[in-house]
Amino acid sequence: MVKKLPFPNWALKTDAIVQLNTPELAETGESPSALVYSGKCRYIEKPKTVLGGGAKTVQPDSACIFCGDIAPELPIITDGTTLVNGWTYTISGAYRARNPDGSVHHTTLYLNR
């Protein structure tokens, strides 16, 4: 018998609003909004140092982890925006970790400012 892995719900402390876009383009050439999700997440932020043109800049490298599948109607998460802690981030990548039974354990969104 295959069981689902437990998710640490105690780690979900940060409110987030996620707007995901569909992978297809609309007639106007823009990605239409497909889903708006609002809920608690685990927000992770770490600085990333970027060297270029003789200058050194520090950019935030962030991620939000949500319990389960936040967009079951989308086959893939391609782009969108997230509002976390008063900042709006662009989604640069995402993945859905799976349980042994094939269901989605958690969704991770990688964010850029």
PDB file of N, CA and C in Angstrom:
ATOM      1  N   MET A   1       0.841  -1.175   0.000  1.00  0.00           N
ATOM      2  CA  MET A   1       0.000   0.000   0.000  1.00  0.00           C
ATOM      3  C   MET A   1       0.894   1.250   0.000  1.00  0.00           C
ATOM      4  N   VAL A   2       0.673   2.153  -0.934  1.00  0.00           N
ATOM      5  CA  VAL A   2       1.456   3.379  -1.066  1.00  0.00           C
ATOM      6  C   VAL A   2       0.751   4.485  -0.288  1.00  0.00           C
ATOM      7  N   LYS A   3       1.503   5.192   0.548  1.00  0.00           N
ATOM      8  CA  LYS A   3       0.943   6.268   1.359  1.00  0.00           C
ATOM      9  C   LYS A   3       1.454   7.614   0.884  1.00  0.00           C
ATOM     10  N   LYS A   4       0.711   8.656   1.255  1.00  0.00           N
ATOM     11  CA  LYS A   4       1.157  10.013   0.986  1.00  0.00           C
ATOM     12  C   LYS A   4       2.127  10.448   2.067  1.00  0.00           C
ATOM     13  N   LEU A   5       3.114  11.250   1.676  1.00  0.00           N
ATOM     14  CA  LEU A   5       4.078  11.778   2.629  1.00  0.00           C
ATOM     15  C   LEU A   5       3.450  12.952   3.385  1.00  0.00           C
ATOM     16  N   PRO A   6       3.726  13.090   4.682  1.00  0.00           N
ATOM     17  CA  PRO A   6       3.144  14.211   5.428  1.00  0.00           C
ATOM     18  C   PRO A   6       3.810  15.529   5.030  1.00  0.00           C
ATOM     19  N   PHE A   7       3.027  16.588   5.062  1.00  0.00           N
ATOM     20  CA  PHE A   7       3.553  17.926   4.760  1.00  0.00           C
ATOM     21  C   PHE A   7       3.621  18.707   6.059  1.00  0.00           C
ATOM     22  N   PRO A   8       4.704  19.453   6.301  1.00  0.00           N
ATOM     23  CA  PRO A   8       4.826  20.229   7.545  1.00  0.00           C
ATOM     24  C   PRO A   8       3.989  21.510   7.493  1.00  0.00           C
ATOM     25  N   ASN A   9       2.697  21.395   7.748  1.00  0.00           N
ATOM     26  CA  ASN A   9       1.807  22.558   7.696  1.00  0.00           C
ATOM     27  C   ASN A   9       2.195  23.640   8.689  1.00  0.00           C
ATOM     28  N   TRP A  10       2.915  23.293   9.748  1.00  0.00           N
ATOM     29  CA  TRP A  10       3.347  24.276  10.729  1.00  0.00           C
ATOM     30  C   TRP A  10       4.317  25.284  10.118  1.00  0.00           C
ATOM     31  N   ALA A  11       4.933  24.957   8.971  1.00  0.00           N
ATOM     32  CA  ALA A  11       5.904  25.849   8.334  1.00  0.00           C
ATOM     33  C   ALA A  11       5.239  26.905   7.450  1.00  0.00           C
ATOM     34  N   LEU A  12       3.940  26.785   7.200  1.00  0.00           N
ATOM     35  CA  LEU A  12       3.227  27.731   6.343  1.00  0.00           C
ATOM     36  C   LEU A  12       2.821  28.947   7.170  1.00  0.00           C
ATOM     37  N   LYS A  13       3.601  30.007   7.104  1.00  0.00           N
ATOM     38  CA  LYS A  13       3.388  31.190   7.945  1.00  0.00           C
ATOM     39  C   LYS A  13       3.107  32.465   7.166  1.00  0.00           C
ATOM     40  N   THR A  14       3.454  32.512   5.891  1.00  0.00           N
ATOM     41  CA  THR A  14       3.403  33.746   5.118  1.00  0.00           C
ATOM     42  C   THR A  14       2.211  33.748   4.170  1.00  0.00           C
ATOM     43  N   ASP A  15       1.458  34.856   4.159  1.00  0.00           N
ATOM     44  CA  ASP A  15       0.349  34.996   3.215  1.00  0.00           C
ATOM     45  C   ASP A  15       0.894  35.328   1.838  1.00  0.00           C
ATOM     46  N   ALA A  16       0.308  34.714   0.816  1.00  0.00           N
ATOM     47  CA  ALA A  16       0.740  34.958  -0.564  1.00  0.00           C
ATOM     48  C   ALA A  16      -0.472  34.972  -1.484  1.00  0.00           C
ATOM     49  N   ILE A  17      -0.404  35.823  -2.493  1.00  0.00           N
ATOM     50  CA  ILE A  17      -1.406  35.856  -3.555  1.00  0.00           C
ATOM     51  C   ILE A  17      -0.669  35.571  -4.856  1.00  0.00           C
ATOM     52  N   VAL A  18      -1.097  34.524  -5.556  1.00  0.00           N
ATOM     53  CA  VAL A  18      -0.423  34.080  -6.775  1.00  0.00           C
ATOM     54  C   VAL A  18      -1.371  34.255  -7.957  1.00  0.00           C
ATOM     55  N   GLN A  19      -0.869  34.863  -9.026  1.00  0.00           N
ATOM     56  CA  GLN A  19      -1.616  34.963 -10.280  1.00  0.00           C
ATOM     57  C   GLN A  19      -0.816  34.229 -11.341  1.00  0.00           C
ATOM     58  N   LEU A  20      -1.358  33.132 -11.832  1.00  0.00           N
ATOM     59  CA  LEU A  20      -0.676  32.317 -12.842  1.00  0.00           C
ATOM     60  C   LEU A  20      -1.280  32.578 -14.207  1.00  0.00           C
ATOM     61  N   ASN A  21      -0.454  32.514 -15.237  1.00  0.00           N
ATOM     62  CA  ASN A  21      -0.892  32.707 -16.615  1.00  0.00           C
ATOM     63  C   ASN A  21      -0.896  31.373 -17.347  1.00  0.00           C
ATOM     64  N   THR A  22      -1.751  31.278 -18.355  1.00  0.00           N
ATOM     65  CA  THR A  22      -1.801  30.060 -19.159  1.00  0.00           C
ATOM     66  C   THR A  22      -0.606  30.028 -20.097  1.00  0.00           C
ATOM     67  N   PRO A  23      -0.162  28.826 -20.521  1.00  0.00           N
ATOM     68  CA  PRO A  23       0.972  28.741 -21.445  1.00  0.00           C
ATOM     69  C   PRO A  23       0.650  29.266 -22.845  1.00  0.00           C
ATOM     70  N   GLU A  24      -0.639  29.297 -23.223  1.00  0.00           N
ATOM     71  CA  GLU A  24      -1.021  29.769 -24.556  1.00  0.00           C
ATOM     72  C   GLU A  24      -1.136  31.295 -24.560  1.00  0.00           C
ATOM     73  N   LEU A  25      -0.933  31.894 -25.694  1.00  0.00           N
ATOM     74  CA  LEU A  25      -1.077  33.337 -25.840  1.00  0.00           C
ATOM     75  C   LEU A  25      -2.491  33.673 -26.293  1.00  0.00           C
ATOM     76  N   ALA A  26      -2.986  34.802 -25.825  1.00  0.00           N
ATOM     77  CA  ALA A  26      -4.298  35.276 -26.257  1.00  0.00           C
ATOM     78  C   ALA A  26      -4.163  35.914 -27.635  1.00  0.00           C
ATOM     79  N   GLU A  27      -5.287  36.339 -28.196  1.00  0.00           N
ATOM     80  CA  GLU A  27      -5.265  36.975 -29.518  1.00  0.00           C
ATOM     81  C   GLU A  27      -4.473  38.278 -29.503  1.00  0.00           C
ATOM     82  N   THR A  28      -4.362  38.923 -28.333  1.00  0.00           N
ATOM     83  CA  THR A  28      -3.625  40.181 -28.229  1.00  0.00           C
ATOM     84  C   THR A  28      -2.130  39.962 -28.067  1.00  0.00           C
ATOM     85  N   GLY A  29      -1.694  38.697 -27.900  1.00  0.00           N
ATOM     86  CA  GLY A  29      -0.285  38.399 -27.741  1.00  0.00           C
ATOM     87  C   GLY A  29       0.171  38.338 -26.300  1.00  0.00           C
ATOM     88  N   GLU A  30      -0.751  38.558 -25.363  1.00  0.00           N
ATOM     89  CA  GLU A  30      -0.416  38.496 -23.947  1.00  0.00           C
ATOM     90  C   GLU A  30      -0.870  37.166 -23.364  1.00  0.00           C
ATOM     91  N   SER A  31      -0.258  36.773 -22.263  1.00  0.00           N
ATOM     92  CA  SER A  31      -0.686  35.564 -21.560  1.00  0.00           C
ATOM     93  C   SER A  31      -1.899  35.910 -20.708  1.00  0.00           C
ATOM     94  N   PRO A  32      -3.047  35.294 -20.963  1.00  0.00           N
ATOM     95  CA  PRO A  32      -4.224  35.603 -20.155  1.00  0.00           C
ATOM     96  C   PRO A  32      -4.099  34.988 -18.763  1.00  0.00           C
ATOM     97  N   SER A  33      -4.689  35.660 -17.785  1.00  0.00           N
ATOM     98  CA  SER A  33      -4.649  35.155 -16.420  1.00  0.00           C
ATOM     99  C   SER A  33      -5.505  33.899 -16.320  1.00  0.00           C
ATOM    100  N   ALA A  34      -4.948  32.855 -15.736  1.00  0.00           N
ATOM    101  CA  ALA A  34      -5.666  31.593 -15.644  1.00  0.00           C
ATOM    102  C   ALA A  34      -6.160  31.328 -14.238  1.00  0.00           C
ATOM    103  N   LEU A  35      -5.419  31.751 -13.242  1.00  0.00           N
ATOM    104  CA  LEU A  35      -5.746  31.353 -11.884  1.00  0.00           C
ATOM    105  C   LEU A  35      -5.215  32.369 -10.893  1.00  0.00           C
ATOM    106  N   VAL A  36      -6.015  32.653  -9.901  1.00  0.00           N
ATOM    107  CA  VAL A  36      -5.554  33.452  -8.776  1.00  0.00           C
ATOM    108  C   VAL A  36      -5.710  32.588  -7.536  1.00  0.00           C
ATOM    109  N   TYR A  37      -4.605  32.368  -6.834  1.00  0.00           N
ATOM    110  CA  TYR A  37      -4.586  31.532  -5.634  1.00  0.00           C
ATOM    111  C   TYR A  37      -4.150  32.395  -4.463  1.00  0.00           C
ATOM    112  N   SER A  38      -4.832  32.264  -3.361  1.00  0.00           N
ATOM    113  CA  SER A  38      -4.490  32.997  -2.158  1.00  0.00           C
ATOM    114  C   SER A  38      -4.409  32.006  -1.009  1.00  0.00           C
ATOM    115  N   GLY A  39      -3.310  32.038  -0.276  1.00  0.00           N
ATOM    116  CA  GLY A  39      -3.159  31.117   0.844  1.00  0.00           C
ATOM    117  C   GLY A  39      -1.834  31.296   1.546  1.00  0.00           C
ATOM    118  N   LYS A  40      -1.566  30.402   2.469  1.00  0.00           N
ATOM    119  CA  LYS A  40      -0.328  30.433   3.243  1.00  0.00           C
ATOM    120  C   LYS A  40       0.768  29.659   2.513  1.00  0.00           C
ATOM    121  N   CYS A  41       2.006  30.122   2.683  1.00  0.00           N
ATOM    122  CA  CYS A  41       3.150  29.461   2.056  1.00  0.00           C
ATOM    123  C   CYS A  41       4.347  29.531   2.994  1.00  0.00           C
ATOM    124  N   ARG A  42       5.374  28.799   2.645  1.00  0.00           N
ATOM    125  CA  ARG A  42       6.675  28.936   3.299  1.00  0.00           C
ATOM    126  C   ARG A  42       7.516  29.788   2.372  1.00  0.00           C
ATOM    127  N   TYR A  43       7.883  30.974   2.834  1.00  0.00           N
ATOM    128  CA  TYR A  43       8.646  31.917   2.024  1.00  0.00           C
ATOM    129  C   TYR A  43      10.118  31.806   2.396  1.00  0.00           C
ATOM    130  N   ILE A  44      10.964  31.620   1.392  1.00  0.00           N
ATOM    131  CA  ILE A  44      12.404  31.476   1.589  1.00  0.00           C
ATOM    132  C   ILE A  44      13.094  32.554   0.755  1.00  0.00           C
ATOM    133  N   GLU A  45      14.008  33.281   1.383  1.00  0.00           N
ATOM    134  CA  GLU A  45      14.723  34.349   0.680  1.00  0.00           C
ATOM    135  C   GLU A  45      16.202  34.247   1.016  1.00  0.00           C
ATOM    136  N   LYS A  46      17.031  34.326  -0.029  1.00  0.00           N
ATOM    137  CA  LYS A  46      18.471  34.361   0.184  1.00  0.00           C
ATOM    138  C   LYS A  46      19.072  35.302  -0.856  1.00  0.00           C
ATOM    139  N   PRO A  47      20.116  36.019  -0.500  1.00  0.00           N
ATOM    140  CA  PRO A  47      20.732  36.932  -1.454  1.00  0.00           C
ATOM    141  C   PRO A  47      21.592  36.191  -2.473  1.00  0.00           C
ATOM    142  N   LYS A  48      21.624  36.735  -3.679  1.00  0.00           N
ATOM    143  CA  LYS A  48      22.449  36.184  -4.751  1.00  0.00           C
ATOM    144  C   LYS A  48      23.339  37.311  -5.269  1.00  0.00           C
ATOM    145  N   THR A  49      24.652  37.095  -5.281  1.00  0.00           N
ATOM    146  CA  THR A  49      25.597  38.096  -5.751  1.00  0.00           C
ATOM    147  C   THR A  49      25.821  37.914  -7.246  1.00  0.00           C
ATOM    148  N   VAL A  50      25.673  39.026  -7.989  1.00  0.00           N
ATOM    149  CA  VAL A  50      25.847  39.008  -9.437  1.00  0.00           C
ATOM    150  C   VAL A  50      26.992  39.948  -9.785  1.00  0.00           C
ATOM    151  N   LEU A  51      27.987  39.424 -10.512  1.00  0.00           N
ATOM    152  CA  LEU A  51      29.108  40.232 -10.959  1.00  0.00           C
ATOM    153  C   LEU A  51      28.928  40.556 -12.434  1.00  0.00           C
ATOM    154  N   GLY A  52      29.106  41.814 -12.780  1.00  0.00           N
ATOM    155  CA  GLY A  52      28.977  42.187 -14.185  1.00  0.00           C
ATOM    156  C   GLY A  52      29.433  43.606 -14.422  1.00  0.00           C
ATOM    157  N   GLY A  53      30.228  43.791 -15.457  1.00  0.00           N
ATOM    158  CA  GLY A  53      30.698  45.119 -15.829  1.00  0.00           C
ATOM    159  C   GLY A  53      31.532  45.787 -14.741  1.00  0.00           C
ATOM    160  N   GLY A  54      32.253  45.000 -13.955  1.00  0.00           N
ATOM    161  CA  GLY A  54      33.081  45.573 -12.912  1.00  0.00           C
ATOM    162  C   GLY A  54      32.310  45.936 -11.655  1.00  0.00           C
ATOM    163  N   ALA A  55      30.999  45.737 -11.672  1.00  0.00           N
ATOM    164  CA  ALA A  55      30.189  46.062 -10.504  1.00  0.00           C
ATOM    165  C   ALA A  55      29.627  44.794  -9.874  1.00  0.00           C
ATOM    166  N   LYS A  56      29.441  44.862  -8.595  1.00  0.00           N
ATOM    167  CA  LYS A  56      28.883  43.731  -7.874  1.00  0.00           C
ATOM    168  C   LYS A  56      27.530  44.155  -7.307  1.00  0.00           C
ATOM    169  N   THR A  57      26.474  43.422  -7.645  1.00  0.00           N
ATOM    170  CA  THR A  57      25.146  43.728  -7.134  1.00  0.00           C
ATOM    171  C   THR A  57      24.602  42.508  -6.407  1.00  0.00           C
ATOM    172  N   VAL A  58      23.730  42.766  -5.461  1.00  0.00           N
ATOM    173  CA  VAL A  58      23.088  41.700  -4.709  1.00  0.00           C
ATOM    174  C   VAL A  58      21.608  41.695  -5.062  1.00  0.00           C
ATOM    175  N   GLN A  59      21.127  40.561  -5.539  1.00  0.00           N
ATOM    176  CA  GLN A  59      19.724  40.406  -5.909  1.00  0.00           C
ATOM    177  C   GLN A  59      19.085  39.369  -4.998  1.00  0.00           C
ATOM    178  N   PRO A  60      17.805  39.579  -4.647  1.00  0.00           N
ATOM    179  CA  PRO A  60      17.140  38.548  -3.841  1.00  0.00           C
ATOM    180  C   PRO A  60      16.806  37.334  -4.698  1.00  0.00           C
ATOM    181  N   ASP A  61      16.995  36.166  -4.147  1.00  0.00           N
ATOM    182  CA  ASP A  61      16.640  34.911  -4.801  1.00  0.00           C
ATOM    183  C   ASP A  61      15.644  34.236  -3.860  1.00  0.00           C
ATOM    184  N   SER A  62      14.381  34.158  -4.257  1.00  0.00           N
ATOM    185  CA  SER A  62      13.325  33.746  -3.351  1.00  0.00           C
ATOM    186  C   SER A  62      12.544  32.566  -3.887  1.00  0.00           C
ATOM    187  N   ALA A  63      11.821  31.911  -2.983  1.00  0.00           N
ATOM    188  CA  ALA A  63      10.939  30.812  -3.356  1.00  0.00           C
ATOM    189  C   ALA A  63       9.766  30.769  -2.392  1.00  0.00           C
ATOM    190  N   CYS A  64       8.629  30.301  -2.890  1.00  0.00           N
ATOM    191  CA  CYS A  64       7.445  30.054  -2.073  1.00  0.00           C
ATOM    192  C   CYS A  64       7.083  28.585  -2.216  1.00  0.00           C
ATOM    193  N   ILE A  65       6.821  27.930  -1.100  1.00  0.00           N
ATOM    194  CA  ILE A  65       6.418  26.522  -1.109  1.00  0.00           C
ATOM    195  C   ILE A  65       5.001  26.433  -0.570  1.00  0.00           C
ATOM    196  N   PHE A  66       4.108  25.823  -1.363  1.00  0.00           N
ATOM    197  CA  PHE A  66       2.700  25.661  -0.999  1.00  0.00           C
ATOM    198  C   PHE A  66       2.387  24.184  -0.814  1.00  0.00           C
ATOM    199  N   CYS A  67       1.495  23.878   0.091  1.00  0.00           N
ATOM    200  CA  CYS A  67       1.058  22.504   0.301  1.00  0.00           C
ATOM    201  C   CYS A  67       0.154  22.077  -0.852  1.00  0.00           C
ATOM    202  N   GLY A  68       0.431  20.937  -1.454  1.00  0.00           N
ATOM    203  CA  GLY A  68      -0.408  20.402  -2.526  1.00  0.00           C
ATOM    204  C   GLY A  68      -0.218  21.111  -3.849  1.00  0.00           C
ATOM    205  N   ASP A  69      -1.189  20.932  -4.736  1.00  0.00           N
ATOM    206  CA  ASP A  69      -1.159  21.518  -6.080  1.00  0.00           C
ATOM    207  C   ASP A  69      -2.006  22.772  -6.093  1.00  0.00           C
ATOM    208  N   ILE A  70      -1.391  23.942  -6.312  1.00  0.00           N
ATOM    209  CA  ILE A  70      -2.151  25.191  -6.302  1.00  0.00           C
ATOM    210  C   ILE A  70      -2.832  25.461  -7.642  1.00  0.00           C
ATOM    211  N   ALA A  71      -2.466  24.714  -8.682  1.00  0.00           N
ATOM    212  CA  ALA A  71      -3.057  24.911 -10.011  1.00  0.00           C
ATOM    213  C   ALA A  71      -3.282  23.569 -10.696  1.00  0.00           C
ATOM    214  N   PRO A  72      -4.236  22.751 -10.198  1.00  0.00           N
ATOM    215  CA  PRO A  72      -4.431  21.435 -10.804  1.00  0.00           C
ATOM    216  C   PRO A  72      -4.938  21.480 -12.241  1.00  0.00           C
ATOM    217  N   GLU A  73      -5.562  22.597 -12.639  1.00  0.00           N
ATOM    218  CA  GLU A  73      -6.072  22.694 -14.009  1.00  0.00           C
ATOM    219  C   GLU A  73      -5.004  23.080 -15.030  1.00  0.00           C
ATOM    220  N   LEU A  74      -3.831  23.497 -14.573  1.00  0.00           N
ATOM    221  CA  LEU A  74      -2.735  23.837 -15.484  1.00  0.00           C
ATOM    222  C   LEU A  74      -1.773  22.652 -15.588  1.00  0.00           C
ATOM    223  N   PRO A  75      -1.478  22.186 -16.811  1.00  0.00           N
ATOM    224  CA  PRO A  75      -0.526  21.079 -16.946  1.00  0.00           C
ATOM    225  C   PRO A  75       0.893  21.472 -16.542  1.00  0.00           C
ATOM    226  N   ILE A  76       1.275  22.721 -16.829  1.00  0.00           N
ATOM    227  CA  ILE A  76       2.574  23.245 -16.413  1.00  0.00           C
ATOM    228  C   ILE A  76       2.388  24.680 -15.933  1.00  0.00           C
ATOM    229  N   ILE A  77       3.228  25.103 -15.016  1.00  0.00           N
ATOM    230  CA  ILE A  77       3.225  26.489 -14.553  1.00  0.00           C
ATOM    231  C   ILE A  77       4.364  27.189 -15.278  1.00  0.00           C
ATOM    232  N   THR A  78       4.015  28.126 -16.145  1.00  0.00           N
ATOM    233  CA  THR A  78       5.027  28.792 -16.958  1.00  0.00           C
ATOM    234  C   THR A  78       5.427  30.160 -16.427  1.00  0.00           C
ATOM    235  N   ASP A  79       4.453  30.973 -16.058  1.00  0.00           N
ATOM    236  CA  ASP A  79       4.779  32.304 -15.547  1.00  0.00           C
ATOM    237  C   ASP A  79       3.600  32.874 -14.782  1.00  0.00           C
ATOM    238  N   GLY A  80       3.863  34.020 -14.168  1.00  0.00           N
ATOM    239  CA  GLY A  80       2.849  34.707 -13.386  1.00  0.00           C
ATOM    240  C   GLY A  80       3.522  35.645 -12.409  1.00  0.00           C
ATOM    241  N   THR A  81       2.746  36.119 -11.447  1.00  0.00           N
ATOM    242  CA  THR A  81       3.263  37.014 -10.421  1.00  0.00           C
ATOM    243  C   THR A  81       2.790  36.538  -9.050  1.00  0.00           C
ATOM    244  N   THR A  82       3.533  36.953  -8.023  1.00  0.00           N
ATOM    245  CA  THR A  82       3.207  36.605  -6.647  1.00  0.00           C
ATOM    246  C   THR A  82       3.386  37.836  -5.775  1.00  0.00           C
ATOM    247  N   LEU A  83       2.442  38.066  -4.895  1.00  0.00           N
ATOM    248  CA  LEU A  83       2.530  39.150  -3.928  1.00  0.00           C
ATOM    249  C   LEU A  83       2.813  38.533  -2.560  1.00  0.00           C
ATOM    250  N   VAL A  84       4.014  38.807  -2.024  1.00  0.00           N
ATOM    251  CA  VAL A  84       4.446  38.267  -0.741  1.00  0.00           C
ATOM    252  C   VAL A  84       5.095  39.391   0.053  1.00  0.00           C
ATOM    253  N   ASN A  85       4.678  39.556   1.296  1.00  0.00           N
ATOM    254  CA  ASN A  85       5.258  40.564   2.197  1.00  0.00           C
ATOM    255  C   ASN A  85       5.255  41.970   1.592  1.00  0.00           C
ATOM    256  N   GLY A  86       4.245  42.295   0.827  1.00  0.00           N
ATOM    257  CA  GLY A  86       4.139  43.621   0.232  1.00  0.00           C
ATOM    258  C   GLY A  86       4.950  43.823  -1.035  1.00  0.00           C
ATOM    259  N   TRP A  87       5.681  42.816  -1.481  1.00  0.00           N
ATOM    260  CA  TRP A  87       6.485  42.901  -2.697  1.00  0.00           C
ATOM    261  C   TRP A  87       5.851  42.050  -3.788  1.00  0.00           C
ATOM    262  N   THR A  88       5.916  42.521  -5.013  1.00  0.00           N
ATOM    263  CA  THR A  88       5.444  41.751  -6.161  1.00  0.00           C
ATOM    264  C   THR A  88       6.639  41.113  -6.835  1.00  0.00           C
ATOM    265  N   TYR A  89       6.574  39.802  -7.014  1.00  0.00           N
ATOM    266  CA  TYR A  89       7.642  39.035  -7.640  1.00  0.00           C
ATOM    267  C   TYR A  89       7.135  38.416  -8.936  1.00  0.00           C
ATOM    268  N   THR A  90       8.050  38.186  -9.863  1.00  0.00           N
ATOM    269  CA  THR A  90       7.759  37.464 -11.091  1.00  0.00           C
ATOM    270  C   THR A  90       8.160  36.011 -10.893  1.00  0.00           C
ATOM    271  N   ILE A  91       7.310  35.102 -11.324  1.00  0.00           N
ATOM    272  CA  ILE A  91       7.613  33.679 -11.206  1.00  0.00           C
ATOM    273  C   ILE A  91       8.569  33.303 -12.331  1.00  0.00           C
ATOM    274  N   SER A  92       9.756  32.806 -11.967  1.00  0.00           N
ATOM    275  CA  SER A  92      10.759  32.441 -12.975  1.00  0.00           C
ATOM    276  C   SER A  92      10.817  30.938 -13.206  1.00  0.00           C
ATOM    277  N   GLY A  93      10.197  30.162 -12.359  1.00  0.00           N
ATOM    278  CA  GLY A  93      10.191  28.712 -12.515  1.00  0.00           C
ATOM    279  C   GLY A  93       9.320  28.087 -11.448  1.00  0.00           C
ATOM    280  N   ALA A  94       8.959  26.839 -11.669  1.00  0.00           N
ATOM    281  CA  ALA A  94       8.112  26.134 -10.703  1.00  0.00           C
ATOM    282  C   ALA A  94       8.284  24.636 -10.868  1.00  0.00           C
ATOM    283  N   TYR A  95       8.000  23.916  -9.797  1.00  0.00           N
ATOM    284  CA  TYR A  95       7.913  22.466  -9.920  1.00  0.00           C
ATOM    285  C   TYR A  95       6.934  21.925  -8.893  1.00  0.00           C
ATOM    286  N   ARG A  96       6.433  20.756  -9.196  1.00  0.00           N
ATOM    287  CA  ARG A  96       5.490  20.064  -8.323  1.00  0.00           C
ATOM    288  C   ARG A  96       6.124  18.748  -7.882  1.00  0.00           C
ATOM    289  N   ALA A  97       6.426  18.654  -6.603  1.00  0.00           N
ATOM    290  CA  ALA A  97       6.986  17.415  -6.063  1.00  0.00           C
ATOM    291  C   ALA A  97       5.848  16.413  -5.877  1.00  0.00           C
ATOM    292  N   ARG A  98       6.111  15.152  -6.173  1.00  0.00           N
ATOM    293  CA  ARG A  98       5.077  14.109  -6.139  1.00  0.00           C
ATOM    294  C   ARG A  98       5.253  13.164  -4.958  1.00  0.00           C
ATOM    295  N   ASN A  99       4.124  12.672  -4.457  1.00  0.00           N
ATOM    296  CA  ASN A  99       4.089  11.604  -3.472  1.00  0.00           C
ATOM    297  C   ASN A  99       4.322  10.283  -4.186  1.00  0.00           C
ATOM    298  N   PRO A 100       4.625   9.207  -3.459  1.00  0.00           N
ATOM    299  CA  PRO A 100       4.794   7.895  -4.098  1.00  0.00           C
ATOM    300  C   PRO A 100       3.556   7.411  -4.849  1.00  0.00           C
ATOM    301  N   ASP A 101       2.359   7.897  -4.460  1.00  0.00           N
ATOM    302  CA  ASP A 101       1.137   7.487  -5.155  1.00  0.00           C
ATOM    303  C   ASP A 101       0.834   8.341  -6.390  1.00  0.00           C
ATOM    304  N   GLY A 102       1.669   9.327  -6.690  1.00  0.00           N
ATOM    305  CA  GLY A 102       1.506  10.157  -7.880  1.00  0.00           C
ATOM    306  C   GLY A 102       0.814  11.488  -7.634  1.00  0.00           C
ATOM    307  N   SER A 103       0.227  11.702  -6.465  1.00  0.00           N
ATOM    308  CA  SER A 103      -0.412  12.981  -6.165  1.00  0.00           C
ATOM    309  C   SER A 103       0.665  14.029  -5.868  1.00  0.00           C
ATOM    310  N   VAL A 104       0.283  15.297  -5.951  1.00  0.00           N
ATOM    311  CA  VAL A 104       1.238  16.389  -5.741  1.00  0.00           C
ATOM    312  C   VAL A 104       1.414  16.636  -4.248  1.00  0.00           C
ATOM    313  N   HIS A 105       2.652  16.568  -3.769  1.00  0.00           N
ATOM    314  CA  HIS A 105       2.977  16.808  -2.362  1.00  0.00           C
ATOM    315  C   HIS A 105       3.028  18.306  -2.071  1.00  0.00           C
ATOM    316  N   HIS A 106       3.808  19.040  -2.872  1.00  0.00           N
ATOM    317  CA  HIS A 106       3.892  20.483  -2.716  1.00  0.00           C
ATOM    318  C   HIS A 106       4.277  21.135  -4.037  1.00  0.00           C
ATOM    319  N   THR A 107       3.965  22.430  -4.131  1.00  0.00           N
ATOM    320  CA  THR A 107       4.303  23.237  -5.299  1.00  0.00           C
ATOM    321  C   THR A 107       5.316  24.285  -4.873  1.00  0.00           C
ATOM    322  N   THR A 108       6.421  24.386  -5.598  1.00  0.00           N
ATOM    323  CA  THR A 108       7.444  25.385  -5.320  1.00  0.00           C
ATOM    324  C   THR A 108       7.482  26.375  -6.478  1.00  0.00           C
ATOM    325  N   LEU A 109       7.417  27.664  -6.149  1.00  0.00           N
ATOM    326  CA  LEU A 109       7.527  28.732  -7.143  1.00  0.00           C
ATOM    327  C   LEU A 109       8.822  29.499  -6.880  1.00  0.00           C
ATOM    328  N   TYR A 110       9.653  29.637  -7.913  1.00  0.00           N
ATOM    329  CA  TYR A 110      10.885  30.412  -7.809  1.00  0.00           C
ATOM    330  C   TYR A 110      10.577  31.841  -8.253  1.00  0.00           C
ATOM    331  N   LEU A 111      11.036  32.808  -7.477  1.00  0.00           N
ATOM    332  CA  LEU A 111      10.636  34.203  -7.678  1.00  0.00           C
ATOM    333  C   LEU A 111      11.818  35.104  -7.973  1.00  0.00           C
ATOM    334  N   ASN A 112      11.576  36.114  -8.801  1.00  0.00           N
ATOM    335  CA  ASN A 112      12.542  37.187  -9.089  1.00  0.00           C
ATOM    336  C   ASN A 112      11.834  38.506  -8.903  1.00  0.00           C
ATOM    337  N   ARG A 113      12.570  39.511  -8.450  1.00  0.00           N
ATOM    338  CA  ARG A 113      11.989  40.827  -8.266  1.00  0.00           C
ATOM    339  C   ARG A 113      12.186  41.663  -9.488  1.00  0.00           C
TER     340      ARG A 113
END
